[in-house]
Amino acid sequence: QYKNKLKVERSFRDPSLHLPVKHGIIEGFRIGGVVMLTRQCPILVLARRCNSNIGGGAQPFHAIPGPKSFPLIGNIWRYLPLVGDYNINDLSSNATFNRQRYGPIVREQITSKHVILHLFDPQDIESFFRQDGVHPHRRSHRALLKFRHDNPKRYNDGGIFPENGPNWLRLRNLFNQYLMKKPSINSRLGLLDGITTRSIASLESPSIVIEDFAIFLYKWTMRCALATFLDYDWASMPEERTIEKLLNSSDDLLAAIAGTEINSERWFKQPDKCPYFNKLTKAEDFTYAFVSERIEHLLATNSFNERSFLRDWLVCDKLDRKDVIAFVLDCLLASIHTTAYTTTFLLENISRQLDVQDRLELMREIRKNAPSMGAEMRDSLFQSMPLLRDCLKETLRLHPVSIGTGRLTQSEMIISNFHVPRNVMVILHNQNVCRQVAYYASPLKYCPKRWAQYRAQSRDERPSRFAWLPFGFGARACIGQHLANTQIQILAIRLLQNFDIEFFGDIKTETSLVHCLDGKIMVKLTPVDSNKSTQY
């Protein structure tokens, strides 16, 4: 109805906006310090996006539905075996239980001082992100944060993973320009492909039964991380024993962080008496020593790779060696299990769940566009493989690496017409949303072709962009998402190019802070050329 740009002067004051809004053009308004542009009436857009009543009328926080909390014990008892409704090791099922029983917004009072707000509606998730501040806060990895703050000779701060506030923003802005730009990642294609092809070539042939495919994936992921962040190539790669020690340290660190967040807070006052904190200390000490020694060697020999992230970081006048070491440690922690997890389900979905015709199309796509083993991969390769990209996207819809995104409110908000105070932990349940029939037809079916259909639809017809957030959203979205996607697609191309992949048994997983593989995964790789039944 607005054919012309109507000039108006109007000021809105609302708790969800943080600041008064005053603009001369009706298409512009501000939410949470971010200027938004729209062709629609801003009053209607604000009401829809913030889910609030302009001018007040929001209900109090305690009116949000949720499990009843009892004095002294709160809702902790619900996580106890036999008597409780929840399983501490199955957060996804807990989320489904909460949504089905209480609705799209749930308030869970864990103790008198600890409350969690669960959001299951994409509109509410969008509303939260639009109102979040410039320093998104996380309430996780607190023991790692304490350890690093207690060791100022090693670290300037907690690092980009556990840190919050201005220190986090300083690091994020500096490292963003390297990892959040696709051309920067594409320049490492040759390096990652080289590690991948050599890893595959190390397997036995002609027909290979791998008793535990997860171990192969962990080692491949670790080698890719060492090549990307510490300038290793295949010839200089650490020996197998060192790779295994690094993987064990990564396992221990992840388990220790989960233990300090979920099972015990004794570390806060008596860290030396907390077994989880001691495990964290030991794992961090080992990895720190390894990374420091490698950096010293590279500086002494000037043997950086031609396109070295590490060299650029070390010569940056806004970073020092402490910042760089902490960031490399965080990259090693964050990338190993998550990349292996997603790669496993991508290959399993293609092998078992993909329709026969779609699988034939995928193989033709790979055969037509992928270079032969040893030949150079070009950065335009993935653009010519839309079905592979959609297979990965569909895998991330059904099997994201976590149940969602966690944040800590920094100011008062209005979500779904409820007042939300500051210092509330909010979980934005991406995985649950991705499996709801309200947003996806046949949500439990693996159907990569749905994404091509969505691209052909108008914005109003396809699911909300906030109904698929495997890497989070906004300033604190996963900094390694482009690197992970590239690495996973390279391995998928190289394996599918050369082998038929057959999985045996179910893939077992466990959940702590993130989803992880749990137990052995048996896989048979049969060379494509020797398989008479192959019709690609």
Protein backbone atom coordinates (compact mmCIF):
# COMPACT_ATOMS: atom_id res chain seq x y z
CA GLN A 1 0.00 0.00 0.00
CA TYR A 2 3.02 2.25 0.27
CA LYS A 3 3.71 3.22 -3.33
CA ASN A 4 5.67 6.27 -2.29
CA LYS A 5 8.27 6.73 0.41
CA LEU A 6 6.30 8.50 3.09
CA LYS A 7 8.36 10.77 5.26
CA VAL A 8 7.45 10.44 8.88
CA GLU A 9 8.85 11.42 12.23
CA ARG A 10 7.97 8.93 14.89
CA SER A 11 9.72 7.63 17.98
CA PHE A 12 9.14 4.17 19.44
CA ARG A 13 10.08 3.28 22.98
CA ASP A 14 9.92 -0.39 23.77
CA PRO A 15 12.05 -2.74 25.95
CA SER A 16 12.77 -4.91 22.91
CA LEU A 17 14.42 -2.05 21.01
CA HIS A 18 16.98 -0.96 23.61
CA LEU A 19 17.08 2.50 22.00
CA PRO A 20 14.50 5.01 20.79
CA VAL A 21 13.98 4.77 17.05
CA LYS A 22 13.71 7.93 15.02
CA HIS A 23 14.00 7.87 11.25
CA GLY A 24 12.74 10.09 8.48
CA ILE A 25 11.99 7.31 5.99
CA ILE A 26 9.34 4.75 6.77
CA GLU A 27 11.48 1.88 5.41
CA GLY A 28 14.16 2.25 8.09
CA PHE A 29 14.10 1.21 11.73
CA ARG A 30 16.45 -0.08 14.39
CA ILE A 31 16.38 -3.24 16.49
CA GLY A 32 18.99 -3.99 19.11
CA GLY A 33 21.36 -1.42 17.70
CA VAL A 34 21.12 -2.84 14.17
CA VAL A 35 19.55 -0.77 11.41
CA MET A 36 16.99 -2.82 9.49
CA LEU A 37 15.57 -1.89 6.09
CA THR A 38 12.20 -2.97 4.76
CA ARG A 39 9.63 -1.97 2.23
CA GLN A 40 6.86 -2.75 4.66
CA CYS A 41 5.36 -0.59 7.34
CA PRO A 42 7.85 -0.59 10.22
CA ILE A 43 5.11 -0.75 12.84
CA LEU A 44 3.89 -4.07 11.43
CA VAL A 45 7.40 -5.44 10.98
CA LEU A 46 8.41 -4.55 14.53
CA ALA A 47 5.30 -6.16 15.93
CA ARG A 48 5.91 -9.33 13.94
CA ARG A 49 9.68 -9.65 14.43
CA CYS A 50 9.75 -8.72 18.11
CA ASN A 51 6.47 -10.54 18.84
CA SER A 52 5.62 -7.76 21.24
CA ASN A 53 2.87 -5.25 21.71
CA ILE A 54 4.15 -1.82 20.84
CA GLY A 55 3.59 0.32 23.89
CA GLY A 56 3.56 -2.44 26.49
CA GLY A 57 1.25 -5.22 27.68
CA ALA A 58 3.87 -7.98 27.81
CA GLN A 59 3.33 -10.77 30.32
CA PRO A 60 5.81 -11.38 33.17
CA PHE A 61 8.67 -13.85 32.80
CA HIS A 62 7.27 -16.27 35.40
CA ALA A 63 4.11 -16.66 33.28
CA ILE A 64 6.01 -18.57 30.58
CA PRO A 65 4.92 -22.24 30.58
CA GLY A 66 7.35 -24.85 31.84
CA PRO A 67 7.97 -27.65 34.35
CA LYS A 68 6.98 -26.76 37.89
CA SER A 69 9.91 -25.87 40.14
CA PHE A 70 9.98 -26.97 43.76
CA PRO A 71 11.62 -25.11 46.65
CA LEU A 72 15.29 -25.91 47.28
CA ILE A 73 15.56 -28.64 44.62
CA GLY A 74 14.11 -26.67 41.69
CA ASN A 75 13.91 -28.99 38.66
CA ILE A 76 17.20 -30.83 39.18
CA TRP A 77 15.32 -33.94 40.27
CA ARG A 78 13.84 -34.25 36.78
CA TYR A 79 17.30 -35.26 35.48
CA LEU A 80 17.65 -38.14 37.96
CA PRO A 81 17.36 -41.72 36.62
CA LEU A 82 14.05 -43.54 37.14
CA VAL A 83 12.18 -40.62 38.75
CA GLY A 84 12.91 -37.78 36.32
CA ASP A 85 11.38 -36.81 32.99
CA TYR A 86 14.71 -35.89 31.39
CA ASN A 87 17.87 -37.69 30.34
CA ILE A 88 21.02 -35.65 31.05
CA ASN A 89 22.74 -37.41 28.12
CA ASP A 90 19.93 -36.92 25.59
CA LEU A 91 19.29 -33.20 25.30
CA SER A 92 17.49 -33.62 21.97
CA SER A 93 14.80 -35.85 23.51
CA ASN A 94 14.49 -33.44 26.42
CA ALA A 95 13.83 -30.62 23.97
CA THR A 96 11.15 -32.61 22.14
CA PHE A 97 9.49 -33.43 25.47
CA ASN A 98 9.45 -29.77 26.49
CA ARG A 99 8.01 -28.53 23.21
CA GLN A 100 5.29 -31.16 23.07
CA ARG A 101 4.22 -30.66 26.68
CA TYR A 102 4.63 -26.91 27.17
CA GLY A 103 4.66 -25.32 23.71
CA PRO A 104 7.01 -23.20 21.59
CA ILE A 105 8.46 -21.20 24.49
CA VAL A 106 9.43 -22.94 27.73
CA ARG A 107 10.84 -21.64 31.01
CA GLU A 108 12.87 -24.21 32.97
CA GLN A 109 13.86 -23.17 36.48
CA ILE A 110 16.81 -25.45 37.19
CA THR A 111 17.64 -23.90 40.60
CA SER A 112 16.67 -20.67 42.34
CA LYS A 113 19.56 -18.91 40.56
CA HIS A 114 19.69 -20.77 37.25
CA VAL A 115 16.88 -20.59 34.69
CA ILE A 116 16.83 -21.64 31.03
CA LEU A 117 14.51 -20.26 28.38
CA HIS A 118 13.88 -22.68 25.50
CA LEU A 119 12.74 -21.31 22.12
CA PHE A 120 11.24 -23.61 19.47
CA ASP A 121 9.63 -21.14 17.07
CA PRO A 122 11.67 -19.56 14.21
CA GLN A 123 9.91 -16.21 14.74
CA ASP A 124 10.93 -16.19 18.41
CA ILE A 125 14.45 -17.26 17.46
CA GLU A 126 14.65 -14.41 14.98
CA SER A 127 13.26 -12.01 17.57
CA PHE A 128 15.98 -12.99 20.01
CA PHE A 129 18.81 -12.61 17.51
CA ARG A 130 17.50 -9.23 16.36
CA GLN A 131 17.54 -8.00 19.95
CA ASP A 132 20.89 -9.51 20.92
CA GLY A 133 23.71 -7.05 21.52
CA VAL A 134 26.98 -6.45 19.69
CA HIS A 135 28.77 -8.75 22.16
CA PRO A 136 26.70 -11.98 22.16
CA HIS A 137 27.36 -13.79 25.45
CA ARG A 138 27.68 -17.54 25.97
CA ARG A 139 27.46 -19.38 29.25
CA SER A 140 29.72 -22.31 28.43
CA HIS A 141 33.33 -23.44 28.62
CA ARG A 142 33.59 -21.54 31.91
CA ALA A 143 36.24 -23.85 33.36
CA LEU A 144 38.42 -23.34 30.29
CA LEU A 145 37.87 -19.60 30.67
CA LYS A 146 38.98 -19.75 34.30
CA PHE A 147 42.05 -21.84 33.47
CA ARG A 148 43.22 -19.35 30.87
CA HIS A 149 42.50 -16.32 33.04
CA ASP A 150 44.52 -17.97 35.82
CA ASN A 151 47.52 -18.38 33.48
CA PRO A 152 48.35 -14.85 32.24
CA LYS A 153 51.85 -15.87 31.18
CA ARG A 154 50.30 -18.07 28.51
CA TYR A 155 47.10 -16.24 27.59
CA ASN A 156 45.91 -12.66 27.30
CA ASP A 157 42.32 -13.71 27.91
CA GLY A 158 40.01 -16.68 27.50
CA GLY A 159 40.33 -16.82 23.72
CA ILE A 160 37.71 -16.58 21.02
CA PHE A 161 35.84 -19.72 22.07
CA PRO A 162 35.03 -19.16 25.77
CA GLU A 163 35.55 -15.38 26.04
CA ASN A 164 32.80 -12.75 26.06
CA GLY A 165 32.52 -8.99 25.74
CA PRO A 166 35.01 -6.58 24.15
CA ASN A 167 37.90 -9.07 24.37
CA TRP A 168 35.91 -11.56 22.32
CA LEU A 169 34.89 -8.91 19.79
CA ARG A 170 38.52 -7.81 19.30
CA LEU A 171 39.60 -11.35 18.46
CA ARG A 172 36.55 -12.14 16.36
CA ASN A 173 36.99 -9.06 14.17
CA LEU A 174 40.64 -9.89 13.55
CA PHE A 175 40.21 -13.57 12.72
CA ASN A 176 36.97 -13.10 10.77
CA GLN A 177 38.77 -11.72 7.73
CA TYR A 178 40.65 -15.01 7.33
CA LEU A 179 38.03 -17.68 8.06
CA MET A 180 34.71 -16.06 7.20
CA LYS A 181 35.63 -15.16 3.63
CA LYS A 182 35.19 -17.92 1.06
CA PRO A 183 38.06 -16.79 -1.22
CA SER A 184 40.43 -17.15 1.72
CA ILE A 185 39.24 -20.71 2.34
CA ASN A 186 39.22 -21.58 -1.36
CA SER A 187 42.89 -20.68 -1.58
CA ARG A 188 43.53 -23.70 0.69
CA LEU A 189 41.75 -26.19 -1.58
CA GLY A 190 44.98 -27.69 -2.87
CA LEU A 191 46.34 -28.11 0.64
CA LEU A 192 43.19 -29.78 1.98
CA ASP A 193 42.78 -31.95 -1.11
CA GLY A 194 46.37 -33.13 -0.81
CA ILE A 195 45.88 -34.21 2.80
CA THR A 196 42.59 -35.89 1.87
CA THR A 197 43.91 -37.84 -1.13
CA ARG A 198 46.96 -39.03 0.81
CA SER A 199 44.74 -40.12 3.70
CA ILE A 200 42.56 -42.16 1.32
CA ALA A 201 45.62 -43.60 -0.46
CA SER A 202 46.92 -44.88 2.88
CA LEU A 203 43.97 -47.28 3.07
CA GLU A 204 44.44 -50.87 1.94
CA SER A 205 43.03 -52.03 -1.36
CA PRO A 206 41.34 -53.33 -3.46
CA SER A 207 38.36 -53.94 -1.16
CA ILE A 208 38.56 -52.38 2.27
CA VAL A 209 36.59 -53.16 5.39
CA ILE A 210 37.27 -50.50 7.99
CA GLU A 211 36.41 -51.73 11.46
CA ASP A 212 36.14 -48.21 12.85
CA PHE A 213 35.60 -45.55 10.22
CA ALA A 214 35.38 -42.89 12.95
CA ILE A 215 39.10 -43.28 13.72
CA PHE A 216 39.95 -42.69 10.05
CA LEU A 217 37.77 -39.55 10.06
CA TYR A 218 39.26 -38.23 13.31
CA LYS A 219 42.80 -38.63 12.01
CA TRP A 220 41.92 -37.07 8.66
CA THR A 221 40.25 -34.12 10.38
CA MET A 222 43.19 -33.62 12.73
CA ARG A 223 45.66 -33.67 9.83
CA CYS A 224 43.58 -31.13 7.92
CA ALA A 225 43.50 -28.89 11.01
CA LEU A 226 47.27 -29.18 11.49
CA ALA A 227 47.82 -28.34 7.82
CA THR A 228 45.47 -25.34 7.97
CA PHE A 229 46.52 -23.81 11.26
CA LEU A 230 50.08 -25.02 11.86
CA ASP A 231 51.48 -25.25 8.31
CA TYR A 232 52.08 -28.98 8.17
CA ASP A 233 52.10 -30.80 4.85
CA TRP A 234 51.89 -34.55 4.40
CA ALA A 235 55.67 -35.01 4.44
CA SER A 236 56.16 -33.09 7.70
CA MET A 237 53.02 -34.36 9.43
CA PRO A 238 53.60 -35.60 13.02
CA GLU A 239 54.00 -39.33 13.50
CA GLU A 240 50.95 -41.50 14.10
CA ARG A 241 51.54 -41.67 17.83
CA THR A 242 51.51 -37.89 18.18
CA ILE A 243 48.31 -37.64 16.13
CA GLU A 244 46.68 -40.14 18.48
CA LYS A 245 47.85 -38.17 21.53
CA LEU A 246 46.40 -34.98 20.11
CA LEU A 247 43.09 -36.75 19.48
CA ASN A 248 43.08 -38.15 23.01
CA SER A 249 43.72 -34.69 24.41
CA SER A 250 40.86 -33.32 22.33
CA ASP A 251 38.59 -36.07 23.67
CA ASP A 252 39.66 -35.38 27.25
CA LEU A 253 39.25 -31.63 26.91
CA LEU A 254 35.75 -31.94 25.48
CA ALA A 255 34.74 -34.42 28.19
CA ALA A 256 36.24 -32.23 30.91
CA ILE A 257 34.45 -29.11 29.68
CA ALA A 258 31.16 -31.01 29.53
CA GLY A 259 31.78 -32.39 33.03
CA THR A 260 32.41 -28.96 34.52
CA GLU A 261 29.31 -27.53 32.83
CA ILE A 262 26.88 -30.37 33.52
CA ASN A 263 28.09 -32.61 36.33
CA SER A 264 30.07 -30.50 38.77
CA GLU A 265 30.79 -26.90 39.69
CA ARG A 266 33.36 -27.81 42.34
CA TRP A 267 36.05 -26.49 39.99
CA PHE A 268 34.95 -22.93 40.65
CA LYS A 269 36.13 -22.85 44.29
CA GLN A 270 38.35 -25.94 44.51
CA PRO A 271 39.71 -26.61 41.01
CA ASP A 272 42.54 -28.85 42.19
CA LYS A 273 40.00 -31.18 43.82
CA CYS A 274 37.79 -31.47 40.76
CA PRO A 275 38.72 -34.44 38.50
CA TYR A 276 37.16 -32.74 35.48
CA PHE A 277 39.26 -29.62 35.98
CA ASN A 278 42.41 -31.71 36.43
CA LYS A 279 41.66 -33.53 33.18
CA LEU A 280 41.12 -30.18 31.46
CA THR A 281 44.44 -28.89 32.77
CA LYS A 282 46.36 -31.93 31.59
CA ALA A 283 44.81 -31.89 28.10
CA GLU A 284 45.30 -28.14 27.64
CA ASP A 285 48.92 -28.37 28.85
CA PHE A 286 49.77 -31.06 26.30
CA THR A 287 48.16 -29.30 23.33
CA TYR A 288 49.60 -25.93 24.35
CA ALA A 289 53.11 -27.39 24.47
CA PHE A 290 52.64 -28.99 21.05
CA VAL A 291 51.35 -25.78 19.41
CA SER A 292 54.02 -23.59 21.05
CA GLU A 293 56.83 -25.89 19.96
CA ARG A 294 55.55 -25.95 16.39
CA ILE A 295 55.35 -22.15 16.23
CA GLU A 296 58.88 -21.84 17.60
CA HIS A 297 60.12 -24.25 14.92
CA LEU A 298 58.41 -22.35 12.11
CA LEU A 299 59.79 -19.03 13.30
CA ALA A 300 63.30 -20.41 13.66
CA THR A 301 63.35 -22.06 10.24
CA ASN A 302 61.04 -19.63 8.42
CA SER A 303 59.29 -22.65 6.92
CA PHE A 304 55.74 -21.32 6.74
CA ASN A 305 53.50 -22.44 3.90
CA GLU A 306 53.10 -20.20 0.89
CA ARG A 307 49.54 -19.28 1.91
CA SER A 308 49.95 -19.36 5.67
CA PHE A 309 47.27 -18.16 8.05
CA LEU A 310 49.71 -18.59 10.90
CA ARG A 311 52.38 -16.32 9.42
CA ASP A 312 49.83 -13.57 8.79
CA TRP A 313 48.57 -13.80 12.35
CA LEU A 314 52.03 -13.73 13.90
CA VAL A 315 53.06 -10.57 12.00
CA CYS A 316 49.75 -8.77 12.65
CA ASP A 317 50.43 -5.78 14.91
CA LYS A 318 46.99 -6.17 16.55
CA LEU A 319 47.72 -9.73 17.68
CA ASP A 320 50.50 -11.24 19.73
CA ARG A 321 51.69 -14.81 20.11
CA LYS A 322 49.42 -15.46 23.07
CA ASP A 323 46.36 -14.56 21.00
CA VAL A 324 47.49 -16.77 18.14
CA ILE A 325 48.23 -19.81 20.30
CA ALA A 326 44.86 -19.56 22.06
CA PHE A 327 43.06 -19.32 18.73
CA VAL A 328 44.84 -22.35 17.29
CA LEU A 329 43.99 -24.32 20.43
CA ASP A 330 40.32 -23.35 20.06
CA CYS A 331 40.32 -24.38 16.39
CA LEU A 332 41.75 -27.80 17.24
CA LEU A 333 39.12 -28.23 19.97
CA ALA A 334 36.15 -27.09 17.90
CA SER A 335 36.86 -28.73 14.56
CA ILE A 336 37.74 -32.38 15.17
CA HIS A 337 34.57 -34.00 16.54
CA THR A 338 32.11 -31.74 14.75
CA THR A 339 33.63 -32.27 11.30
CA ALA A 340 33.91 -36.04 11.77
CA TYR A 341 30.31 -36.20 13.00
CA THR A 342 28.88 -34.32 10.02
CA THR A 343 31.03 -36.21 7.51
CA THR A 344 29.86 -39.54 8.89
CA PHE A 345 26.19 -38.70 8.51
CA LEU A 346 26.67 -37.14 5.07
CA LEU A 347 28.25 -40.32 3.73
CA GLU A 348 25.76 -42.54 5.56
CA ASN A 349 22.80 -40.56 4.20
CA ILE A 350 24.14 -40.75 0.65
CA SER A 351 24.84 -44.47 1.03
CA ARG A 352 21.59 -45.50 2.71
CA GLN A 353 18.97 -42.76 2.60
CA LEU A 354 19.34 -41.10 -0.79
CA ASP A 355 16.87 -42.21 -3.47
CA VAL A 356 18.42 -44.38 -6.19
CA GLN A 357 17.79 -41.83 -8.93
CA ASP A 358 19.19 -39.00 -6.83
CA ARG A 359 22.26 -41.05 -6.04
CA LEU A 360 22.82 -41.75 -9.72
CA GLU A 361 22.49 -38.03 -10.42
CA LEU A 362 24.97 -37.23 -7.65
CA MET A 363 27.51 -39.67 -9.02
CA ARG A 364 27.14 -38.25 -12.52
CA GLU A 365 27.65 -34.79 -11.06
CA ILE A 366 30.86 -35.90 -9.36
CA ARG A 367 32.15 -37.85 -12.38
CA LYS A 368 31.50 -34.90 -14.68
CA ASN A 369 33.01 -32.11 -12.58
CA ALA A 370 35.54 -33.51 -10.11
CA PRO A 371 39.19 -33.66 -11.21
CA SER A 372 40.96 -36.98 -11.04
CA MET A 373 42.92 -37.91 -7.93
CA GLY A 374 46.04 -35.78 -7.78
CA ALA A 375 44.72 -33.14 -10.21
CA GLU A 376 44.13 -29.60 -8.97
CA MET A 377 40.76 -28.66 -7.50
CA ARG A 378 39.43 -25.27 -8.57
CA ASP A 379 37.43 -22.95 -6.36
CA SER A 380 34.52 -23.09 -8.85
CA LEU A 381 34.15 -26.85 -8.32
CA PHE A 382 31.48 -26.71 -5.61
CA GLN A 383 29.34 -24.30 -7.62
CA SER A 384 29.03 -26.99 -10.30
CA MET A 385 27.84 -29.53 -7.72
CA PRO A 386 24.52 -28.23 -6.39
CA LEU A 387 23.23 -31.67 -5.43
CA LEU A 388 26.28 -32.42 -3.28
CA ARG A 389 25.86 -29.06 -1.55
CA ASP A 390 22.19 -29.84 -0.93
CA CYS A 391 23.09 -33.30 0.42
CA LEU A 392 25.32 -31.59 2.96
CA LYS A 393 22.67 -28.99 3.77
CA GLU A 394 20.05 -31.69 4.30
CA THR A 395 22.47 -33.62 6.50
CA LEU A 396 23.00 -30.52 8.63
CA ARG A 397 19.22 -30.14 8.89
CA LEU A 398 18.70 -33.66 10.22
CA HIS A 399 22.03 -34.08 12.02
CA PRO A 400 23.39 -30.73 13.24
CA VAL A 401 26.40 -30.90 15.54
CA SER A 402 24.40 -29.52 18.48
CA ILE A 403 20.80 -29.13 19.60
CA GLY A 404 21.01 -25.39 18.95
CA THR A 405 22.60 -22.13 20.02
CA GLY A 406 23.08 -20.98 23.61
CA ARG A 407 23.12 -17.34 24.64
CA LEU A 408 22.92 -15.23 27.79
CA THR A 409 20.62 -12.21 27.65
CA GLN A 410 22.47 -8.97 28.26
CA SER A 411 19.42 -6.75 28.63
CA GLU A 412 15.68 -7.01 28.96
CA MET A 413 13.84 -8.36 25.94
CA ILE A 414 10.32 -9.14 24.86
CA ILE A 415 9.93 -12.59 23.27
CA SER A 416 6.53 -13.90 22.20
CA ASN A 417 4.92 -11.15 24.29
CA PHE A 418 6.75 -12.22 27.46
CA HIS A 419 9.19 -10.08 29.40
CA VAL A 420 12.64 -11.75 29.52
CA PRO A 421 15.07 -10.24 32.06
CA ARG A 422 18.81 -9.96 31.62
CA ASN A 423 21.22 -12.78 32.60
CA VAL A 424 18.85 -15.52 31.43
CA MET A 425 20.31 -18.48 29.57
CA VAL A 426 18.48 -18.97 26.28
CA ILE A 427 18.66 -22.09 24.09
CA LEU A 428 17.51 -21.61 20.51
CA HIS A 429 16.56 -25.12 19.45
CA ASN A 430 17.62 -25.38 15.83
CA GLN A 431 17.58 -29.20 15.70
CA ASN A 432 14.03 -29.43 17.01
CA VAL A 433 12.79 -26.76 14.62
CA CYS A 434 14.40 -28.57 11.67
CA ARG A 435 12.36 -31.68 12.47
CA GLN A 436 8.97 -30.04 12.77
CA VAL A 437 6.32 -30.66 10.12
CA ALA A 438 5.20 -27.05 10.53
CA TYR A 439 8.33 -25.93 8.69
CA TYR A 440 9.39 -28.92 6.55
CA ALA A 441 7.27 -31.42 4.65
CA SER A 442 8.15 -34.98 5.71
CA PRO A 443 10.70 -33.52 8.16
CA LEU A 444 12.32 -36.84 9.10
CA LYS A 445 12.91 -37.87 5.48
CA TYR A 446 16.32 -37.27 3.93
CA CYS A 447 15.40 -35.28 0.83
CA PRO A 448 18.17 -33.02 -0.54
CA LYS A 449 16.00 -32.04 -3.53
CA ARG A 450 13.80 -29.98 -1.20
CA TRP A 451 16.45 -27.23 -1.17
CA ALA A 452 16.33 -26.79 -4.95
CA GLN A 453 12.56 -26.47 -4.66
CA TYR A 454 12.90 -23.83 -1.95
CA ARG A 455 15.30 -21.80 -4.09
CA ALA A 456 12.66 -21.70 -6.82
CA GLN A 457 10.02 -20.42 -4.42
CA SER A 458 9.39 -16.94 -3.13
CA ARG A 459 10.65 -15.94 0.30
CA ASP A 460 7.17 -16.22 1.79
CA GLU A 461 6.69 -19.77 0.46
CA ARG A 462 9.91 -21.36 1.69
CA PRO A 463 10.83 -21.99 5.33
CA SER A 464 12.13 -19.12 7.42
CA ARG A 465 15.88 -18.62 7.30
CA PHE A 466 15.72 -19.05 11.09
CA ALA A 467 14.40 -22.59 10.66
CA TRP A 468 17.87 -23.77 9.58
CA LEU A 469 20.75 -22.48 11.67
CA PRO A 470 23.32 -25.29 12.06
CA PHE A 471 26.12 -22.72 12.47
CA GLY A 472 24.21 -20.19 14.53
CA PHE A 473 23.49 -16.66 13.40
CA GLY A 474 24.91 -13.19 13.68
CA ALA A 475 28.19 -11.94 15.07
CA ARG A 476 28.88 -15.20 16.92
CA ALA A 477 28.02 -17.64 14.14
CA CYS A 478 30.54 -20.47 13.74
CA ILE A 479 33.77 -18.92 12.48
CA GLY A 480 34.87 -22.19 10.88
CA GLN A 481 31.72 -22.98 8.90
CA HIS A 482 33.20 -22.32 5.42
CA LEU A 483 36.33 -24.31 6.22
CA ALA A 484 34.29 -27.24 7.57
CA ASN A 485 31.93 -27.31 4.58
CA THR A 486 34.86 -27.23 2.15
CA GLN A 487 36.76 -29.95 3.94
CA ILE A 488 33.72 -32.24 4.19
CA GLN A 489 32.84 -31.85 0.50
CA ILE A 490 36.42 -32.60 -0.56
CA LEU A 491 36.43 -35.90 1.30
CA ALA A 492 32.95 -36.82 0.03
CA ILE A 493 34.01 -36.13 -3.57
CA ARG A 494 37.23 -38.13 -3.30
CA LEU A 495 35.62 -41.12 -1.60
CA LEU A 496 32.52 -41.27 -3.82
CA GLN A 497 34.68 -40.75 -6.89
CA ASN A 498 36.59 -43.94 -6.15
CA PHE A 499 34.48 -46.17 -3.88
CA ASP A 500 31.06 -47.55 -3.22
CA ILE A 501 30.49 -47.01 0.51
CA GLU A 502 28.54 -49.52 2.58
CA PHE A 503 27.73 -48.92 6.26
CA PHE A 504 27.04 -51.77 8.69
CA GLY A 505 24.84 -51.33 11.74
CA ASP A 506 23.48 -48.14 13.27
CA ILE A 507 25.52 -45.04 13.98
CA LYS A 508 25.46 -44.41 17.71
CA THR A 509 25.89 -40.93 19.12
CA GLU A 510 26.11 -39.19 22.47
CA THR A 511 25.43 -35.61 23.46
CA SER A 512 27.20 -33.40 25.95
CA LEU A 513 27.95 -29.90 24.73
CA VAL A 514 27.82 -31.14 21.13
CA HIS A 515 26.78 -34.34 19.40
CA CYS A 516 29.61 -36.85 19.07
CA LEU A 517 30.03 -40.28 17.56
CA ASP A 518 29.81 -43.04 20.14
CA GLY A 519 31.24 -46.45 19.34
CA LYS A 520 32.68 -48.12 16.28
CA ILE A 521 31.40 -47.56 12.76
CA MET A 522 32.07 -50.41 10.34
CA VAL A 523 32.33 -49.42 6.69
CA LYS A 524 33.18 -51.31 3.51
CA LEU A 525 34.81 -49.41 0.63
CA THR A 526 34.65 -51.14 -2.73
CA PRO A 527 36.54 -49.56 -5.66
CA VAL A 528 34.01 -48.34 -8.22
CA ASP A 529 35.83 -49.77 -11.27
CA SER A 530 35.85 -53.28 -9.85
CA ASN A 531 32.20 -53.27 -8.83
CA LYS A 532 30.25 -54.81 -11.69
CA SER A 533 26.94 -53.70 -10.26
CA THR A 534 27.85 -50.05 -10.39
CA GLN A 535 25.93 -48.24 -13.12
CA TYR A 536 27.14 -44.67 -12.83
